[in-house]
Amino acid sequence: YTFNIIPFSFNFLSLFIIHLLINSFISTFLIFNFNLPDEIGQLAKSFNVMAESLEKVEMNRRDFISNVSHELRSPITSIKGFIAGIIDGVIPKDKENEYLERAYFEIQRLTRLINDLLDLSAISS
């Protein structure tokens, strides 16, 4: 399952291709000796700013996905460990209720996180 905050995603290759297209576009104007050096310079600056912005968006998206993955895995790992300990008998019978309460707390935490992600997804669409 892929989770996209932004309706499109850019990776390093996409940014590199955009950069090549921009340079090709500018070179074409220079080859045909259009008398628009100021406009071409402004266009180049605008495209460079856009490429930098897209690169920052991509880095932020990757960081966000990494953080979300960690936050989702943490409670799942705890729940899995608590239940496995009870099933395997590693957790003593007199402590089972305590670990089930911890598992329940982790499930509530996971539910809140998922609801927050769904709210964020609804806002962005």
PDB file of N, CA and C in Angstrom:
ATOM      1  N   TYR A   1       0.836  -1.175   0.000  1.00  0.00           N
ATOM      2  CA  TYR A   1       0.000   0.000   0.000  1.00  0.00           C
ATOM      3  C   TYR A   1       0.874   1.228   0.000  1.00  0.00           C
ATOM      4  N   THR A   2       0.553   2.151  -0.867  1.00  0.00           N
ATOM      5  CA  THR A   2       1.308   3.396  -0.965  1.00  0.00           C
ATOM      6  C   THR A   2       0.462   4.524  -0.413  1.00  0.00           C
ATOM      7  N   PHE A   3       1.062   5.360   0.395  1.00  0.00           N
ATOM      8  CA  PHE A   3       0.381   6.505   0.991  1.00  0.00           C
ATOM      9  C   PHE A   3       1.005   7.760   0.420  1.00  0.00           C
ATOM     10  N   ASN A   4       0.236   8.523  -0.343  1.00  0.00           N
ATOM     11  CA  ASN A   4       0.744   9.760  -0.934  1.00  0.00           C
ATOM     12  C   ASN A   4       0.004  10.947  -0.349  1.00  0.00           C
ATOM     13  N   ILE A   5       0.744  11.840   0.253  1.00  0.00           N
ATOM     14  CA  ILE A   5       0.165  13.086   0.753  1.00  0.00           C
ATOM     15  C   ILE A   5      -0.077  14.023  -0.416  1.00  0.00           C
ATOM     16  N   ILE A   6       0.828  14.004  -1.374  1.00  0.00           N
ATOM     17  CA  ILE A   6       0.780  14.877  -2.535  1.00  0.00           C
ATOM     18  C   ILE A   6       0.247  14.042  -3.694  1.00  0.00           C
ATOM     19  N   PRO A   7      -0.600  14.611  -4.550  1.00  0.00           N
ATOM     20  CA  PRO A   7      -1.169  13.805  -5.623  1.00  0.00           C
ATOM     21  C   PRO A   7      -0.149  13.328  -6.647  1.00  0.00           C
ATOM     22  N   PHE A   8       1.072  13.764  -6.549  1.00  0.00           N
ATOM     23  CA  PHE A   8       2.132  13.298  -7.438  1.00  0.00           C
ATOM     24  C   PHE A   8       3.385  13.142  -6.612  1.00  0.00           C
ATOM     25  N   SER A   9       4.317  12.397  -7.140  1.00  0.00           N
ATOM     26  CA  SER A   9       5.549  12.227  -6.380  1.00  0.00           C
ATOM     27  C   SER A   9       6.721  12.409  -7.314  1.00  0.00           C
ATOM     28  N   PHE A  10       7.754  13.032  -6.816  1.00  0.00           N
ATOM     29  CA  PHE A  10       8.961  13.265  -7.584  1.00  0.00           C
ATOM     30  C   PHE A  10      10.102  12.545  -6.900  1.00  0.00           C
ATOM     31  N   ASN A  11      10.916  11.910  -7.699  1.00  0.00           N
ATOM     32  CA  ASN A  11      12.122  11.318  -7.143  1.00  0.00           C
ATOM     33  C   ASN A  11      13.311  12.011  -7.796  1.00  0.00           C
ATOM     34  N   PHE A  12      14.495  11.610  -7.430  1.00  0.00           N
ATOM     35  CA  PHE A  12      15.693  12.259  -7.942  1.00  0.00           C
ATOM     36  C   PHE A  12      15.744  12.179  -9.467  1.00  0.00           C
ATOM     37  N   LEU A  13      15.362  11.035 -10.053  1.00  0.00           N
ATOM     38  CA  LEU A  13      15.391  10.873 -11.507  1.00  0.00           C
ATOM     39  C   LEU A  13      14.443  11.871 -12.173  1.00  0.00           C
ATOM     40  N   SER A  14      13.244  12.052 -11.611  1.00  0.00           N
ATOM     41  CA  SER A  14      12.294  13.018 -12.180  1.00  0.00           C
ATOM     42  C   SER A  14      12.884  14.420 -12.183  1.00  0.00           C
ATOM     43  N   LEU A  15      13.492  14.788 -11.061  1.00  0.00           N
ATOM     44  CA  LEU A  15      14.085  16.119 -10.973  1.00  0.00           C
ATOM     45  C   LEU A  15      15.230  16.283 -11.962  1.00  0.00           C
ATOM     46  N   PHE A  16      16.029  15.247 -12.138  1.00  0.00           N
ATOM     47  CA  PHE A  16      17.135  15.291 -13.089  1.00  0.00           C
ATOM     48  C   PHE A  16      16.610  15.467 -14.513  1.00  0.00           C
ATOM     49  N   ILE A  17      15.549  14.752 -14.861  1.00  0.00           N
ATOM     50  CA  ILE A  17      14.956  14.863 -16.200  1.00  0.00           C
ATOM     51  C   ILE A  17      14.405  16.275 -16.413  1.00  0.00           C
ATOM     52  N   ILE A  18      13.724  16.814 -15.398  1.00  0.00           N
ATOM     53  CA  ILE A  18      13.218  18.188 -15.505  1.00  0.00           C
ATOM     54  C   ILE A  18      14.371  19.155 -15.728  1.00  0.00           C
ATOM     55  N   HIS A  19      15.454  18.961 -14.983  1.00  0.00           N
ATOM     56  CA  HIS A  19      16.639  19.813 -15.129  1.00  0.00           C
ATOM     57  C   HIS A  19      17.190  19.731 -16.558  1.00  0.00           C
ATOM     58  N   LEU A  20      17.292  18.518 -17.111  1.00  0.00           N
ATOM     59  CA  LEU A  20      17.790  18.351 -18.484  1.00  0.00           C
ATOM     60  C   LEU A  20      16.876  19.038 -19.495  1.00  0.00           C
ATOM     61  N   LEU A  21      15.570  18.900 -19.308  1.00  0.00           N
ATOM     62  CA  LEU A  21      14.624  19.540 -20.222  1.00  0.00           C
ATOM     63  C   LEU A  21      14.742  21.061 -20.171  1.00  0.00           C
ATOM     64  N   ILE A  22      14.902  21.581 -18.985  1.00  0.00           N
ATOM     65  CA  ILE A  22      15.058  23.032 -18.836  1.00  0.00           C
ATOM     66  C   ILE A  22      16.317  23.505 -19.550  1.00  0.00           C
ATOM     67  N   ASN A  23      17.424  22.814 -19.327  1.00  0.00           N
ATOM     68  CA  ASN A  23      18.680  23.198 -19.984  1.00  0.00           C
ATOM     69  C   ASN A  23      18.572  23.083 -21.499  1.00  0.00           C
ATOM     70  N   SER A  24      17.892  22.046 -21.973  1.00  0.00           N
ATOM     71  CA  SER A  24      17.697  21.875 -23.414  1.00  0.00           C
ATOM     72  C   SER A  24      16.861  23.026 -23.977  1.00  0.00           C
ATOM     73  N   PHE A  25      15.821  23.393 -23.259  1.00  0.00           N
ATOM     74  CA  PHE A  25      14.953  24.485 -23.672  1.00  0.00           C
ATOM     75  C   PHE A  25      15.734  25.794 -23.767  1.00  0.00           C
ATOM     76  N   ILE A  26      16.527  26.075 -22.760  1.00  0.00           N
ATOM     77  CA  ILE A  26      17.334  27.302 -22.739  1.00  0.00           C
ATOM     78  C   ILE A  26      18.369  27.277 -23.860  1.00  0.00           C
ATOM     79  N   SER A  27      19.013  26.139 -24.072  1.00  0.00           N
ATOM     80  CA  SER A  27      20.019  26.019 -25.136  1.00  0.00           C
ATOM     81  C   SER A  27      19.405  26.284 -26.502  1.00  0.00           C
ATOM     82  N   THR A  28      18.188  25.809 -26.714  1.00  0.00           N
ATOM     83  CA  THR A  28      17.505  26.029 -27.991  1.00  0.00           C
ATOM     84  C   THR A  28      17.324  27.522 -28.245  1.00  0.00           C
ATOM     85  N   PHE A  29      16.910  28.257 -27.243  1.00  0.00           N
ATOM     86  CA  PHE A  29      16.766  29.701 -27.403  1.00  0.00           C
ATOM     87  C   PHE A  29      18.099  30.359 -27.714  1.00  0.00           C
ATOM     88  N   LEU A  30      19.153  29.930 -27.051  1.00  0.00           N
ATOM     89  CA  LEU A  30      20.461  30.538 -27.272  1.00  0.00           C
ATOM     90  C   LEU A  30      21.000  30.216 -28.660  1.00  0.00           C
ATOM     91  N   ILE A  31      20.763  29.001 -29.145  1.00  0.00           N
ATOM     92  CA  ILE A  31      21.250  28.597 -30.468  1.00  0.00           C
ATOM     93  C   ILE A  31      20.600  29.440 -31.558  1.00  0.00           C
ATOM     94  N   PHE A  32      19.299  29.708 -31.428  1.00  0.00           N
ATOM     95  CA  PHE A  32      18.600  30.455 -32.462  1.00  0.00           C
ATOM     96  C   PHE A  32      18.719  31.966 -32.277  1.00  0.00           C
ATOM     97  N   ASN A  33      19.574  32.388 -31.361  1.00  0.00           N
ATOM     98  CA  ASN A  33      19.891  33.803 -31.147  1.00  0.00           C
ATOM     99  C   ASN A  33      18.671  34.682 -30.902  1.00  0.00           C
ATOM    100  N   PHE A  34      17.761  34.177 -30.120  1.00  0.00           N
ATOM    101  CA  PHE A  34      16.661  35.045 -29.727  1.00  0.00           C
ATOM    102  C   PHE A  34      17.246  36.144 -28.859  1.00  0.00           C
ATOM    103  N   ASN A  35      16.752  37.323 -29.031  1.00  0.00           N
ATOM    104  CA  ASN A  35      17.257  38.453 -28.249  1.00  0.00           C
ATOM    105  C   ASN A  35      16.483  38.585 -26.934  1.00  0.00           C
ATOM    106  N   LEU A  36      16.453  37.507 -26.204  1.00  0.00           N
ATOM    107  CA  LEU A  36      15.712  37.513 -24.952  1.00  0.00           C
ATOM    108  C   LEU A  36      16.585  37.042 -23.785  1.00  0.00           C
ATOM    109  N   PRO A  37      17.803  37.541 -23.659  1.00  0.00           N
ATOM    110  CA  PRO A  37      18.676  37.012 -22.602  1.00  0.00           C
ATOM    111  C   PRO A  37      18.107  37.224 -21.202  1.00  0.00           C
ATOM    112  N   ASP A  38      17.457  38.361 -20.972  1.00  0.00           N
ATOM    113  CA  ASP A  38      16.884  38.609 -19.643  1.00  0.00           C
ATOM    114  C   ASP A  38      15.750  37.634 -19.344  1.00  0.00           C
ATOM    115  N   GLU A  39      14.881  37.429 -20.340  1.00  0.00           N
ATOM    116  CA  GLU A  39      13.757  36.517 -20.149  1.00  0.00           C
ATOM    117  C   GLU A  39      14.246  35.086 -19.950  1.00  0.00           C
ATOM    118  N   ILE A  40      15.263  34.697 -20.712  1.00  0.00           N
ATOM    119  CA  ILE A  40      15.809  33.342 -20.591  1.00  0.00           C
ATOM    120  C   ILE A  40      16.453  33.163 -19.219  1.00  0.00           C
ATOM    121  N   GLY A  41      17.178  34.169 -18.785  1.00  0.00           N
ATOM    122  CA  GLY A  41      17.797  34.105 -17.457  1.00  0.00           C
ATOM    123  C   GLY A  41      16.750  33.989 -16.358  1.00  0.00           C
ATOM    124  N   GLN A  42      15.688  34.778 -16.492  1.00  0.00           N
ATOM    125  CA  GLN A  42      14.607  34.709 -15.501  1.00  0.00           C
ATOM    126  C   GLN A  42      13.931  33.344 -15.533  1.00  0.00           C
ATOM    127  N   LEU A  43      13.718  32.832 -16.750  1.00  0.00           N
ATOM    128  CA  LEU A  43      13.107  31.515 -16.897  1.00  0.00           C
ATOM    129  C   LEU A  43      13.986  30.445 -16.262  1.00  0.00           C
ATOM    130  N   ALA A  44      15.285  30.530 -16.498  1.00  0.00           N
ATOM    131  CA  ALA A  44      16.219  29.557 -15.920  1.00  0.00           C
ATOM    132  C   ALA A  44      16.181  29.623 -14.396  1.00  0.00           C
ATOM    133  N   LYS A  45      16.174  30.841 -13.855  1.00  0.00           N
ATOM    134  CA  LYS A  45      16.111  30.988 -12.396  1.00  0.00           C
ATOM    135  C   LYS A  45      14.816  30.399 -11.846  1.00  0.00           C
ATOM    136  N   SER A  46      13.715  30.681 -12.535  1.00  0.00           N
ATOM    137  CA  SER A  46      12.421  30.156 -12.085  1.00  0.00           C
ATOM    138  C   SER A  46      12.408  28.638 -12.094  1.00  0.00           C
ATOM    139  N   PHE A  47      12.932  28.055 -13.170  1.00  0.00           N
ATOM    140  CA  PHE A  47      12.974  26.597 -13.250  1.00  0.00           C
ATOM    141  C   PHE A  47      13.892  26.004 -12.188  1.00  0.00           C
ATOM    142  N   ASN A  48      15.009  26.652 -11.921  1.00  0.00           N
ATOM    143  CA  ASN A  48      15.917  26.153 -10.879  1.00  0.00           C
ATOM    144  C   ASN A  48      15.260  26.213  -9.503  1.00  0.00           C
ATOM    145  N   VAL A  49      14.545  27.301  -9.237  1.00  0.00           N
ATOM    146  CA  VAL A  49      13.824  27.417  -7.966  1.00  0.00           C
ATOM    147  C   VAL A  49      12.765  26.325  -7.870  1.00  0.00           C
ATOM    148  N   MET A  50      12.050  26.087  -8.976  1.00  0.00           N
ATOM    149  CA  MET A  50      11.032  25.046  -8.992  1.00  0.00           C
ATOM    150  C   MET A  50      11.657  23.676  -8.736  1.00  0.00           C
ATOM    151  N   ALA A  51      12.776  23.386  -9.370  1.00  0.00           N
ATOM    152  CA  ALA A  51      13.441  22.096  -9.185  1.00  0.00           C
ATOM    153  C   ALA A  51      13.894  21.924  -7.737  1.00  0.00           C
ATOM    154  N   GLU A  52      14.420  22.990  -7.140  1.00  0.00           N
ATOM    155  CA  GLU A  52      14.831  22.921  -5.730  1.00  0.00           C
ATOM    156  C   GLU A  52      13.626  22.690  -4.826  1.00  0.00           C
ATOM    157  N   SER A  53      12.524  23.354  -5.130  1.00  0.00           N
ATOM    158  CA  SER A  53      11.309  23.175  -4.329  1.00  0.00           C
ATOM    159  C   SER A  53      10.798  21.747  -4.427  1.00  0.00           C
ATOM    160  N   LEU A  54      10.813  21.205  -5.628  1.00  0.00           N
ATOM    161  CA  LEU A  54      10.360  19.832  -5.812  1.00  0.00           C
ATOM    162  C   LEU A  54      11.257  18.850  -5.071  1.00  0.00           C
ATOM    163  N   GLU A  55      12.544  19.123  -5.064  1.00  0.00           N
ATOM    164  CA  GLU A  55      13.481  18.258  -4.348  1.00  0.00           C
ATOM    165  C   GLU A  55      13.193  18.301  -2.843  1.00  0.00           C
ATOM    166  N   LYS A  56      12.902  19.488  -2.319  1.00  0.00           N
ATOM    167  CA  LYS A  56      12.571  19.615  -0.894  1.00  0.00           C
ATOM    168  C   LYS A  56      11.271  18.887  -0.571  1.00  0.00           C
ATOM    169  N   VAL A  57      10.291  19.002  -1.459  1.00  0.00           N
ATOM    170  CA  VAL A  57       9.020  18.299  -1.257  1.00  0.00           C
ATOM    171  C   VAL A  57       9.264  16.796  -1.202  1.00  0.00           C
ATOM    172  N   GLU A  58      10.076  16.294  -2.106  1.00  0.00           N
ATOM    173  CA  GLU A  58      10.380  14.861  -2.141  1.00  0.00           C
ATOM    174  C   GLU A  58      11.089  14.427  -0.860  1.00  0.00           C
ATOM    175  N   MET A  59      12.042  15.212  -0.385  1.00  0.00           N
ATOM    176  CA  MET A  59      12.741  14.858   0.862  1.00  0.00           C
ATOM    177  C   MET A  59      11.770  14.866   2.045  1.00  0.00           C
ATOM    178  N   ASN A  60      10.893  15.852   2.102  1.00  0.00           N
ATOM    179  CA  ASN A  60       9.898  15.910   3.178  1.00  0.00           C
ATOM    180  C   ASN A  60       8.939  14.727   3.115  1.00  0.00           C
ATOM    181  N   ARG A  61       8.552  14.344   1.901  1.00  0.00           N
ATOM    182  CA  ARG A  61       7.656  13.197   1.738  1.00  0.00           C
ATOM    183  C   ARG A  61       8.325  11.930   2.246  1.00  0.00           C
ATOM    184  N   ARG A  62       9.594  11.737   1.881  1.00  0.00           N
ATOM    185  CA  ARG A  62      10.325  10.549   2.339  1.00  0.00           C
ATOM    186  C   ARG A  62      10.456  10.527   3.856  1.00  0.00           C
ATOM    187  N   ASP A  63      10.783  11.678   4.446  1.00  0.00           N
ATOM    188  CA  ASP A  63      10.892  11.757   5.904  1.00  0.00           C
ATOM    189  C   ASP A  63       9.554  11.440   6.569  1.00  0.00           C
ATOM    190  N   PHE A  64       8.484  11.982   6.000  1.00  0.00           N
ATOM    191  CA  PHE A  64       7.154  11.746   6.555  1.00  0.00           C
ATOM    192  C   PHE A  64       6.805  10.263   6.512  1.00  0.00           C
ATOM    193  N   ILE A  65       7.028   9.631   5.374  1.00  0.00           N
ATOM    194  CA  ILE A  65       6.731   8.202   5.233  1.00  0.00           C
ATOM    195  C   ILE A  65       7.568   7.393   6.211  1.00  0.00           C
ATOM    196  N   SER A  66       8.827   7.741   6.363  1.00  0.00           N
ATOM    197  CA  SER A  66       9.701   7.041   7.300  1.00  0.00           C
ATOM    198  C   SER A  66       9.179   7.167   8.728  1.00  0.00           C
ATOM    199  N   ASN A  67       8.781   8.370   9.117  1.00  0.00           N
ATOM    200  CA  ASN A  67       8.252   8.587  10.466  1.00  0.00           C
ATOM    201  C   ASN A  67       6.942   7.841  10.688  1.00  0.00           C
ATOM    202  N   VAL A  68       6.056   7.884   9.702  1.00  0.00           N
ATOM    203  CA  VAL A  68       4.777   7.187   9.822  1.00  0.00           C
ATOM    204  C   VAL A  68       5.009   5.682   9.935  1.00  0.00           C
ATOM    205  N   SER A  69       5.909   5.154   9.129  1.00  0.00           N
ATOM    206  CA  SER A  69       6.211   3.721   9.187  1.00  0.00           C
ATOM    207  C   SER A  69       6.682   3.327  10.580  1.00  0.00           C
ATOM    208  N   HIS A  70       7.566   4.132  11.147  1.00  0.00           N
ATOM    209  CA  HIS A  70       8.071   3.843  12.497  1.00  0.00           C
ATOM    210  C   HIS A  70       6.941   3.904  13.524  1.00  0.00           C
ATOM    211  N   GLU A  71       6.122   4.947  13.434  1.00  0.00           N
ATOM    212  CA  GLU A  71       5.033   5.115  14.399  1.00  0.00           C
ATOM    213  C   GLU A  71       3.997   4.005  14.295  1.00  0.00           C
ATOM    214  N   LEU A  72       3.780   3.457  13.100  1.00  0.00           N
ATOM    215  CA  LEU A  72       2.838   2.346  12.937  1.00  0.00           C
ATOM    216  C   LEU A  72       3.431   1.034  13.441  1.00  0.00           C
ATOM    217  N   ARG A  73       4.701   0.829  13.190  1.00  0.00           N
ATOM    218  CA  ARG A  73       5.332  -0.434  13.577  1.00  0.00           C
ATOM    219  C   ARG A  73       5.524  -0.561  15.083  1.00  0.00           C
ATOM    220  N   SER A  74       5.781   0.533  15.770  1.00  0.00           N
ATOM    221  CA  SER A  74       6.060   0.465  17.212  1.00  0.00           C
ATOM    222  C   SER A  74       4.931  -0.183  18.011  1.00  0.00           C
ATOM    223  N   PRO A  75       3.684   0.304  17.903  1.00  0.00           N
ATOM    224  CA  PRO A  75       2.624  -0.354  18.675  1.00  0.00           C
ATOM    225  C   PRO A  75       2.341  -1.774  18.194  1.00  0.00           C
ATOM    226  N   ILE A  76       2.468  -2.007  16.900  1.00  0.00           N
ATOM    227  CA  ILE A  76       2.230  -3.357  16.381  1.00  0.00           C
ATOM    228  C   ILE A  76       3.249  -4.330  16.957  1.00  0.00           C
ATOM    229  N   THR A  77       4.496  -3.916  17.026  1.00  0.00           N
ATOM    230  CA  THR A  77       5.547  -4.771  17.583  1.00  0.00           C
ATOM    231  C   THR A  77       5.271  -5.065  19.054  1.00  0.00           C
ATOM    232  N   SER A  78       4.851  -4.052  19.805  1.00  0.00           N
ATOM    233  CA  SER A  78       4.534  -4.256  21.222  1.00  0.00           C
ATOM    234  C   SER A  78       3.378  -5.236  21.390  1.00  0.00           C
ATOM    235  N   ILE A  79       2.308  -5.014  20.654  1.00  0.00           N
ATOM    236  CA  ILE A  79       1.132  -5.888  20.739  1.00  0.00           C
ATOM    237  C   ILE A  79       1.516  -7.321  20.403  1.00  0.00           C
ATOM    238  N   LYS A  80       2.251  -7.473  19.329  1.00  0.00           N
ATOM    239  CA  LYS A  80       2.690  -8.806  18.894  1.00  0.00           C
ATOM    240  C   LYS A  80       3.507  -9.495  19.995  1.00  0.00           C
ATOM    241  N   GLY A  81       4.426  -8.752  20.610  1.00  0.00           N
ATOM    242  CA  GLY A  81       5.255  -9.320  21.672  1.00  0.00           C
ATOM    243  C   GLY A  81       4.445  -9.706  22.898  1.00  0.00           C
ATOM    244  N   PHE A  82       3.499  -8.844  23.300  1.00  0.00           N
ATOM    245  CA  PHE A  82       2.672  -9.145  24.469  1.00  0.00           C
ATOM    246  C   PHE A  82       1.837 -10.403  24.243  1.00  0.00           C
ATOM    247  N   ILE A  83       1.207 -10.478  23.086  1.00  0.00           N
ATOM    248  CA  ILE A  83       0.352 -11.628  22.790  1.00  0.00           C
ATOM    249  C   ILE A  83       1.181 -12.900  22.661  1.00  0.00           C
ATOM    250  N   ALA A  84       2.315 -12.808  21.986  1.00  0.00           N
ATOM    251  CA  ALA A  84       3.183 -13.986  21.847  1.00  0.00           C
ATOM    252  C   ALA A  84       3.657 -14.464  23.217  1.00  0.00           C
ATOM    253  N   GLY A  85       3.986 -13.534  24.110  1.00  0.00           N
ATOM    254  CA  GLY A  85       4.427 -13.905  25.455  1.00  0.00           C
ATOM    255  C   GLY A  85       3.347 -14.614  26.243  1.00  0.00           C
ATOM    256  N   ILE A  86       2.119 -14.178  26.077  1.00  0.00           N
ATOM    257  CA  ILE A  86       0.997 -14.826  26.768  1.00  0.00           C
ATOM    258  C   ILE A  86       0.754 -16.214  26.187  1.00  0.00           C
ATOM    259  N   ILE A  87       0.728 -16.314  24.860  1.00  0.00           N
ATOM    260  CA  ILE A  87       0.486 -17.607  24.206  1.00  0.00           C
ATOM    261  C   ILE A  87       1.586 -18.605  24.537  1.00  0.00           C
ATOM    262  N   ASP A  88       2.835 -18.159  24.486  1.00  0.00           N
ATOM    263  CA  ASP A  88       3.973 -19.054  24.736  1.00  0.00           C
ATOM    264  C   ASP A  88       4.156 -19.391  26.211  1.00  0.00           C
ATOM    265  N   GLY A  89       3.478 -18.682  27.082  1.00  0.00           N
ATOM    266  CA  GLY A  89       3.621 -18.937  28.510  1.00  0.00           C
ATOM    267  C   GLY A  89       4.813 -18.243  29.136  1.00  0.00           C
ATOM    268  N   VAL A  90       5.502 -17.383  28.386  1.00  0.00           N
ATOM    269  CA  VAL A  90       6.644 -16.637  28.918  1.00  0.00           C
ATOM    270  C   VAL A  90       6.162 -15.647  29.984  1.00  0.00           C
ATOM    271  N   ILE A  91       5.007 -15.070  29.748  1.00  0.00           N
ATOM    272  CA  ILE A  91       4.415 -14.150  30.721  1.00  0.00           C
ATOM    273  C   ILE A  91       3.611 -14.993  31.714  1.00  0.00           C
ATOM    274  N   PRO A  92       3.900 -14.848  33.004  1.00  0.00           N
ATOM    275  CA  PRO A  92       3.182 -15.638  34.014  1.00  0.00           C
ATOM    276  C   PRO A  92       1.683 -15.322  34.009  1.00  0.00           C
ATOM    277  N   LYS A  93       0.885 -16.296  34.390  1.00  0.00           N
ATOM    278  CA  LYS A  93      -0.576 -16.145  34.397  1.00  0.00           C
ATOM    279  C   LYS A  93      -1.020 -14.928  35.209  1.00  0.00           C
ATOM    280  N   ASP A  94      -0.352 -14.662  36.330  1.00  0.00           N
ATOM    281  CA  ASP A  94      -0.760 -13.542  37.174  1.00  0.00           C
ATOM    282  C   ASP A  94      -0.423 -12.181  36.554  1.00  0.00           C
ATOM    283  N   LYS A  95       0.394 -12.146  35.491  1.00  0.00           N
ATOM    284  CA  LYS A  95       0.767 -10.893  34.814  1.00  0.00           C
ATOM    285  C   LYS A  95       0.035 -10.713  33.477  1.00  0.00           C
ATOM    286  N   GLU A  96      -0.717 -11.741  33.038  1.00  0.00           N
ATOM    287  CA  GLU A  96      -1.374 -11.683  31.723  1.00  0.00           C
ATOM    288  C   GLU A  96      -2.285 -10.463  31.588  1.00  0.00           C
ATOM    289  N   ASN A  97      -3.079 -10.197  32.612  1.00  0.00           N
ATOM    290  CA  ASN A  97      -4.011  -9.069  32.545  1.00  0.00           C
ATOM    291  C   ASN A  97      -3.262  -7.749  32.355  1.00  0.00           C
ATOM    292  N   GLU A  98      -2.145  -7.593  33.040  1.00  0.00           N
ATOM    293  CA  GLU A  98      -1.325  -6.381  32.907  1.00  0.00           C
ATOM    294  C   GLU A  98      -0.846  -6.204  31.464  1.00  0.00           C
ATOM    295  N   TYR A  99      -0.397  -7.290  30.842  1.00  0.00           N
ATOM    296  CA  TYR A  99       0.093  -7.212  29.466  1.00  0.00           C
ATOM    297  C   TYR A  99      -1.046  -7.026  28.468  1.00  0.00           C
ATOM    298  N   LEU A 100      -2.207  -7.589  28.768  1.00  0.00           N
ATOM    299  CA  LEU A 100      -3.365  -7.356  27.902  1.00  0.00           C
ATOM    300  C   LEU A 100      -3.791  -5.888  27.968  1.00  0.00           C
ATOM    301  N   GLU A 101      -3.701  -5.285  29.143  1.00  0.00           N
ATOM    302  CA  GLU A 101      -4.004  -3.855  29.267  1.00  0.00           C
ATOM    303  C   GLU A 101      -3.004  -3.019  28.473  1.00  0.00           C
ATOM    304  N   ARG A 102      -1.746  -3.396  28.504  1.00  0.00           N
ATOM    305  CA  ARG A 102      -0.731  -2.686  27.710  1.00  0.00           C
ATOM    306  C   ARG A 102      -1.019  -2.834  26.216  1.00  0.00           C
ATOM    307  N   ALA A 103      -1.398  -4.050  25.814  1.00  0.00           N
ATOM    308  CA  ALA A 103      -1.729  -4.288  24.400  1.00  0.00           C
ATOM    309  C   ALA A 103      -2.930  -3.430  24.000  1.00  0.00           C
ATOM    310  N   TYR A 104      -3.924  -3.347  24.891  1.00  0.00           N
ATOM    311  CA  TYR A 104      -5.098  -2.531  24.616  1.00  0.00           C
ATOM    312  C   TYR A 104      -4.718  -1.054  24.467  1.00  0.00           C
ATOM    313  N   PHE A 105      -3.829  -0.569  25.336  1.00  0.00           N
ATOM    314  CA  PHE A 105      -3.339   0.810  25.246  1.00  0.00           C
ATOM    315  C   PHE A 105      -2.661   1.045  23.893  1.00  0.00           C
ATOM    316  N   GLU A 106      -1.837   0.094  23.446  1.00  0.00           N
ATOM    317  CA  GLU A 106      -1.141   0.222  22.158  1.00  0.00           C
ATOM    318  C   GLU A 106      -2.132   0.215  20.997  1.00  0.00           C
ATOM    319  N   ILE A 107      -3.196  -0.577  21.121  1.00  0.00           N
ATOM    320  CA  ILE A 107      -4.230  -0.605  20.073  1.00  0.00           C
ATOM    321  C   ILE A 107      -4.926   0.752  19.998  1.00  0.00           C
ATOM    322  N   GLN A 108      -5.212   1.345  21.158  1.00  0.00           N
ATOM    323  CA  GLN A 108      -5.826   2.681  21.167  1.00  0.00           C
ATOM    324  C   GLN A 108      -4.892   3.708  20.526  1.00  0.00           C
ATOM    325  N   ARG A 109      -3.617   3.622  20.841  1.00  0.00           N
ATOM    326  CA  ARG A 109      -2.631   4.541  20.257  1.00  0.00           C
ATOM    327  C   ARG A 109      -2.567   4.371  18.739  1.00  0.00           C
ATOM    328  N   LEU A 110      -2.560   3.135  18.283  1.00  0.00           N
ATOM    329  CA  LEU A 110      -2.523   2.841  16.851  1.00  0.00           C
ATOM    330  C   LEU A 110      -3.788   3.361  16.163  1.00  0.00           C
ATOM    331  N   THR A 111      -4.930   3.186  16.806  1.00  0.00           N
ATOM    332  CA  THR A 111      -6.198   3.676  16.248  1.00  0.00           C
ATOM    333  C   THR A 111      -6.173   5.195  16.090  1.00  0.00           C
ATOM    334  N   ARG A 112      -5.667   5.902  17.117  1.00  0.00           N
ATOM    335  CA  ARG A 112      -5.569   7.371  17.022  1.00  0.00           C
ATOM    336  C   ARG A 112      -4.653   7.788  15.872  1.00  0.00           C
ATOM    337  N   LEU A 113      -3.533   7.104  15.733  1.00  0.00           N
ATOM    338  CA  LEU A 113      -2.588   7.433  14.667  1.00  0.00           C
ATOM    339  C   LEU A 113      -3.220   7.218  13.291  1.00  0.00           C
ATOM    340  N   ILE A 114      -3.896   6.100  13.129  1.00  0.00           N
ATOM    341  CA  ILE A 114      -4.546   5.813  11.840  1.00  0.00           C
ATOM    342  C   ILE A 114      -5.636   6.844  11.558  1.00  0.00           C
ATOM    343  N   ASN A 115      -6.419   7.192  12.563  1.00  0.00           N
ATOM    344  CA  ASN A 115      -7.455   8.222  12.372  1.00  0.00           C
ATOM    345  C   ASN A 115      -6.841   9.563  11.982  1.00  0.00           C
ATOM    346  N   ASP A 116      -5.741   9.925  12.620  1.00  0.00           N
ATOM    347  CA  ASP A 116      -5.049  11.169  12.258  1.00  0.00           C
ATOM    348  C   ASP A 116      -4.566  11.130  10.812  1.00  0.00           C
ATOM    349  N   LEU A 117      -4.027   9.989  10.391  1.00  0.00           N
ATOM    350  CA  LEU A 117      -3.559   9.860   9.005  1.00  0.00           C
ATOM    351  C   LEU A 117      -4.718   9.950   8.020  1.00  0.00           C
ATOM    352  N   LEU A 118      -5.836   9.330   8.359  1.00  0.00           N
ATOM    353  CA  LEU A 118      -7.007   9.406   7.485  1.00  0.00           C
ATOM    354  C   LEU A 118      -7.542  10.837   7.417  1.00  0.00           C
ATOM    355  N   ASP A 119      -7.536  11.539   8.544  1.00  0.00           N
ATOM    356  CA  ASP A 119      -7.953  12.948   8.542  1.00  0.00           C
ATOM    357  C   ASP A 119      -7.019  13.784   7.672  1.00  0.00           C
ATOM    358  N   LEU A 120      -5.730  13.553   7.800  1.00  0.00           N
ATOM    359  CA  LEU A 120      -4.746  14.277   6.998  1.00  0.00           C
ATOM    360  C   LEU A 120      -4.942  13.987   5.515  1.00  0.00           C
ATOM    361  N   SER A 121      -5.227  12.735   5.200  1.00  0.00           N
ATOM    362  CA  SER A 121      -5.456  12.349   3.807  1.00  0.00           C
ATOM    363  C   SER A 121      -6.707  13.032   3.258  1.00  0.00           C
ATOM    364  N   ALA A 122      -7.753  13.113   4.069  1.00  0.00           N
ATOM    365  CA  ALA A 122      -8.996  13.765   3.635  1.00  0.00           C
ATOM    366  C   ALA A 122      -8.774  15.260   3.415  1.00  0.00           C
ATOM    367  N   ILE A 123      -7.978  15.873   4.276  1.00  0.00           N
ATOM    368  CA  ILE A 123      -7.690  17.306   4.136  1.00  0.00           C
ATOM    369  C   ILE A 123      -6.919  17.582   2.856  1.00  0.00           C
ATOM    370  N   SER A 124      -5.972  16.702   2.522  1.00  0.00           N
ATOM    371  CA  SER A 124      -5.117  16.955   1.358  1.00  0.00           C
ATOM    372  C   SER A 124      -5.807  16.665   0.036  1.00  0.00           C
ATOM    373  N   SER A 125      -6.970  15.987   0.071  1.00  0.00           N
ATOM    374  CA  SER A 125      -7.637  15.685  -1.211  1.00  0.00           C
ATOM    375  C   SER A 125      -8.749  16.632  -1.521  1.00  0.00           C
TER     376      SER A 125
END
